[in-house]
């Protein structure tokens, strides 16, 4: 899988996280904060090759804005 960095969260404070990447498989990868074991234990049906990450709502808004812009909305 090839990743292309799209953007880093505008409030990251100069850091690298959270960030969003496009893949060569028409999907997105979100880099975020790994959940602690207490929060991860609350997730349902997590396979061995899956994990949860936490991102701020404002990053989700940025993702929605980017998707809508690419679709011309």
N, C-alpha and C. Protein backbone atom coordinates (compact mmCIF):
# COMPACT_ATOMS: atom_id res chain seq x y z
N UNK A 1 0.85 -1.17 0.00
CA UNK A 1 0.00 0.00 0.00
C UNK A 1 0.90 1.24 0.00
N UNK A 2 0.58 2.18 -0.87
CA UNK A 2 1.29 3.46 -0.93
C UNK A 2 0.46 4.52 -0.22
N UNK A 3 1.10 5.31 0.64
CA UNK A 3 0.43 6.39 1.34
C UNK A 3 0.92 7.74 0.83
N UNK A 4 -0.02 8.68 0.70
CA UNK A 4 0.31 10.06 0.35
C UNK A 4 -0.25 10.95 1.44
N UNK A 5 0.63 11.71 2.10
CA UNK A 5 0.19 12.60 3.18
C UNK A 5 -0.70 13.68 2.59
N UNK A 6 -1.90 13.83 3.12
CA UNK A 6 -2.82 14.86 2.66
C UNK A 6 -2.74 16.10 3.54
N UNK A 7 -2.88 15.92 4.84
CA UNK A 7 -2.73 17.04 5.75
C UNK A 7 -2.60 16.56 7.18
N UNK A 8 -2.08 17.45 7.99
CA UNK A 8 -2.00 17.24 9.43
C UNK A 8 -3.03 18.15 10.08
N UNK A 9 -3.61 17.71 11.15
CA UNK A 9 -4.63 18.48 11.86
C UNK A 9 -4.14 19.89 12.09
N UNK A 10 -4.98 20.87 11.77
CA UNK A 10 -4.56 22.27 11.82
C UNK A 10 -4.23 22.75 13.23
N UNK A 11 -4.67 22.05 14.24
CA UNK A 11 -4.37 22.43 15.63
C UNK A 11 -3.35 21.50 16.27
N UNK A 12 -2.51 20.86 15.47
CA UNK A 12 -1.57 19.88 16.01
C UNK A 12 -0.44 20.52 16.81
N UNK A 13 -0.30 21.83 16.72
CA UNK A 13 0.77 22.49 17.46
C UNK A 13 2.15 22.22 16.89
N UNK A 14 2.21 22.02 15.58
CA UNK A 14 3.49 21.77 14.93
C UNK A 14 3.91 20.31 14.92
N UNK A 15 3.07 19.45 15.47
CA UNK A 15 3.40 18.03 15.49
C UNK A 15 2.98 17.33 14.22
N UNK A 16 3.06 16.04 14.24
CA UNK A 16 2.73 15.22 13.07
C UNK A 16 1.43 14.46 13.22
N UNK A 17 0.72 14.69 14.30
CA UNK A 17 -0.42 13.86 14.60
C UNK A 17 -1.53 14.72 15.20
N UNK A 18 -2.75 14.44 14.86
CA UNK A 18 -3.25 13.48 13.91
C UNK A 18 -3.03 13.96 12.47
N UNK A 19 -3.01 13.02 11.57
CA UNK A 19 -2.80 13.31 10.16
C UNK A 19 -3.65 12.36 9.31
N UNK A 20 -3.84 12.75 8.05
CA UNK A 20 -4.65 11.97 7.12
C UNK A 20 -3.83 11.67 5.87
N UNK A 21 -3.94 10.45 5.39
CA UNK A 21 -3.21 9.99 4.21
C UNK A 21 -4.20 9.37 3.23
N UNK A 22 -3.91 9.51 1.95
CA UNK A 22 -4.64 8.79 0.91
C UNK A 22 -3.84 7.54 0.57
N UNK A 23 -4.54 6.48 0.18
CA UNK A 23 -3.87 5.26 -0.24
C UNK A 23 -4.05 5.07 -1.74
N UNK A 24 -3.32 4.15 -2.28
CA UNK A 24 -3.47 3.80 -3.69
C UNK A 24 -4.62 2.80 -3.88
N UNK A 25 -5.42 2.61 -2.82
CA UNK A 25 -6.57 1.69 -2.87
C UNK A 25 -7.89 2.44 -2.68
N UNK A 26 -7.88 3.75 -3.00
CA UNK A 26 -9.08 4.59 -2.85
C UNK A 26 -9.64 4.55 -1.43
N UNK A 27 -8.75 4.74 -0.47
CA UNK A 27 -9.17 4.79 0.92
C UNK A 27 -8.31 5.81 1.66
N UNK A 28 -8.66 6.07 2.90
CA UNK A 28 -7.92 7.00 3.74
C UNK A 28 -7.33 6.25 4.93
N UNK A 29 -6.19 6.72 5.40
CA UNK A 29 -5.58 6.25 6.63
C UNK A 29 -5.48 7.45 7.55
N UNK A 30 -5.93 7.28 8.78
CA UNK A 30 -5.87 8.36 9.76
C UNK A 30 -4.85 7.98 10.83
N UNK A 31 -3.90 8.85 11.03
CA UNK A 31 -2.91 8.68 12.09
C UNK A 31 -3.45 9.40 13.31
N UNK A 32 -3.58 8.70 14.42
CA UNK A 32 -4.14 9.31 15.62
C UNK A 32 -3.49 8.74 16.86
N UNK A 33 -4.11 9.02 17.98
CA UNK A 33 -3.59 8.58 19.26
C UNK A 33 -4.12 7.19 19.58
N UNK A 34 -3.23 6.26 19.89
CA UNK A 34 -3.62 4.89 20.22
C UNK A 34 -4.46 4.89 21.48
N UNK A 35 -5.53 4.13 21.46
CA UNK A 35 -6.39 4.03 22.63
C UNK A 35 -5.68 3.26 23.74
N UNK A 36 -5.94 3.66 24.95
CA UNK A 36 -5.45 2.89 26.09
C UNK A 36 -6.23 1.60 26.21
N UNK A 37 -5.76 0.70 27.03
CA UNK A 37 -6.40 -0.61 27.13
C UNK A 37 -7.82 -0.52 27.69
N UNK A 38 -8.09 0.44 28.58
CA UNK A 38 -9.45 0.58 29.13
C UNK A 38 -10.44 0.95 28.04
N UNK A 39 -10.08 1.93 27.19
CA UNK A 39 -10.97 2.34 26.11
C UNK A 39 -11.07 1.25 25.05
N UNK A 40 -9.95 0.63 24.70
CA UNK A 40 -9.95 -0.41 23.67
C UNK A 40 -10.82 -1.59 24.09
N UNK A 41 -10.88 -1.87 25.37
CA UNK A 41 -11.69 -2.98 25.87
C UNK A 41 -13.18 -2.73 25.66
N UNK A 42 -13.57 -1.48 25.46
CA UNK A 42 -14.97 -1.14 25.27
C UNK A 42 -15.41 -1.29 23.81
N UNK A 43 -14.45 -1.50 22.90
CA UNK A 43 -14.78 -1.66 21.49
C UNK A 43 -15.34 -3.06 21.26
N UNK A 44 -16.18 -3.18 20.24
CA UNK A 44 -16.88 -4.44 19.97
C UNK A 44 -16.23 -5.16 18.79
N UNK A 45 -15.97 -6.45 18.96
CA UNK A 45 -15.50 -7.32 17.87
C UNK A 45 -14.27 -6.79 17.17
N UNK A 46 -13.22 -6.48 17.90
CA UNK A 46 -11.97 -5.99 17.31
C UNK A 46 -11.11 -7.20 16.96
N UNK A 47 -10.81 -7.34 15.66
CA UNK A 47 -9.98 -8.46 15.21
C UNK A 47 -8.51 -8.21 15.60
N UNK A 48 -7.72 -9.24 15.53
CA UNK A 48 -6.30 -9.14 15.92
C UNK A 48 -5.54 -8.13 15.07
N UNK A 49 -5.96 -7.93 13.84
CA UNK A 49 -5.25 -7.00 12.95
C UNK A 49 -5.90 -5.61 12.94
N UNK A 50 -6.76 -5.31 13.90
CA UNK A 50 -7.43 -4.02 13.98
C UNK A 50 -7.05 -3.30 15.27
N UNK A 51 -7.20 -1.98 15.26
CA UNK A 51 -7.00 -1.20 16.47
C UNK A 51 -7.84 0.05 16.38
N UNK A 52 -8.02 0.72 17.48
CA UNK A 52 -8.75 1.97 17.50
C UNK A 52 -7.80 3.13 17.69
N UNK A 53 -8.13 4.25 17.08
CA UNK A 53 -7.38 5.48 17.30
C UNK A 53 -8.37 6.58 17.67
N UNK A 54 -7.86 7.59 18.34
CA UNK A 54 -8.70 8.72 18.71
C UNK A 54 -8.30 9.93 17.89
N UNK A 55 -9.29 10.61 17.32
CA UNK A 55 -9.05 11.85 16.59
C UNK A 55 -10.05 12.90 17.08
N UNK A 56 -9.68 14.17 17.01
CA UNK A 56 -10.61 15.23 17.42
C UNK A 56 -11.73 15.40 16.39
N UNK A 57 -12.90 15.86 16.85
CA UNK A 57 -14.00 16.15 15.94
C UNK A 57 -13.57 17.11 14.84
N UNK A 58 -12.73 18.08 15.17
CA UNK A 58 -12.34 19.06 14.15
C UNK A 58 -11.53 18.41 13.04
N UNK A 59 -10.81 17.33 13.33
CA UNK A 59 -10.12 16.62 12.25
C UNK A 59 -11.14 15.91 11.37
N UNK A 60 -12.17 15.33 11.97
CA UNK A 60 -13.23 14.70 11.17
C UNK A 60 -13.90 15.73 10.27
N UNK A 61 -14.08 16.95 10.78
CA UNK A 61 -14.65 18.02 9.96
C UNK A 61 -13.74 18.37 8.79
N UNK A 62 -12.42 18.41 9.04
CA UNK A 62 -11.47 18.68 7.96
C UNK A 62 -11.54 17.58 6.91
N UNK A 63 -11.67 16.33 7.34
CA UNK A 63 -11.77 15.21 6.40
C UNK A 63 -13.03 15.38 5.56
N UNK A 64 -14.16 15.68 6.20
CA UNK A 64 -15.42 15.87 5.47
C UNK A 64 -15.29 17.02 4.47
N UNK A 65 -14.68 18.13 4.87
CA UNK A 65 -14.49 19.26 3.96
C UNK A 65 -13.65 18.85 2.75
N UNK A 66 -12.57 18.07 3.00
CA UNK A 66 -11.71 17.63 1.90
C UNK A 66 -12.46 16.71 0.94
N UNK A 67 -13.23 15.78 1.47
CA UNK A 67 -14.00 14.85 0.63
C UNK A 67 -15.02 15.62 -0.18
N UNK A 68 -15.74 16.54 0.45
CA UNK A 68 -16.73 17.34 -0.26
C UNK A 68 -16.09 18.20 -1.34
N UNK A 69 -14.93 18.76 -1.08
CA UNK A 69 -14.23 19.57 -2.09
C UNK A 69 -13.82 18.73 -3.28
N UNK A 70 -13.37 17.51 -3.02
CA UNK A 70 -12.97 16.62 -4.13
C UNK A 70 -14.17 16.19 -4.95
N UNK A 71 -15.34 16.16 -4.33
CA UNK A 71 -16.55 15.79 -5.05
C UNK A 71 -17.25 17.01 -5.65
N UNK A 72 -16.70 18.19 -5.43
CA UNK A 72 -17.28 19.40 -5.99
C UNK A 72 -18.52 19.88 -5.27
N UNK A 73 -18.65 19.55 -4.00
CA UNK A 73 -19.85 19.94 -3.23
C UNK A 73 -19.55 21.17 -2.40
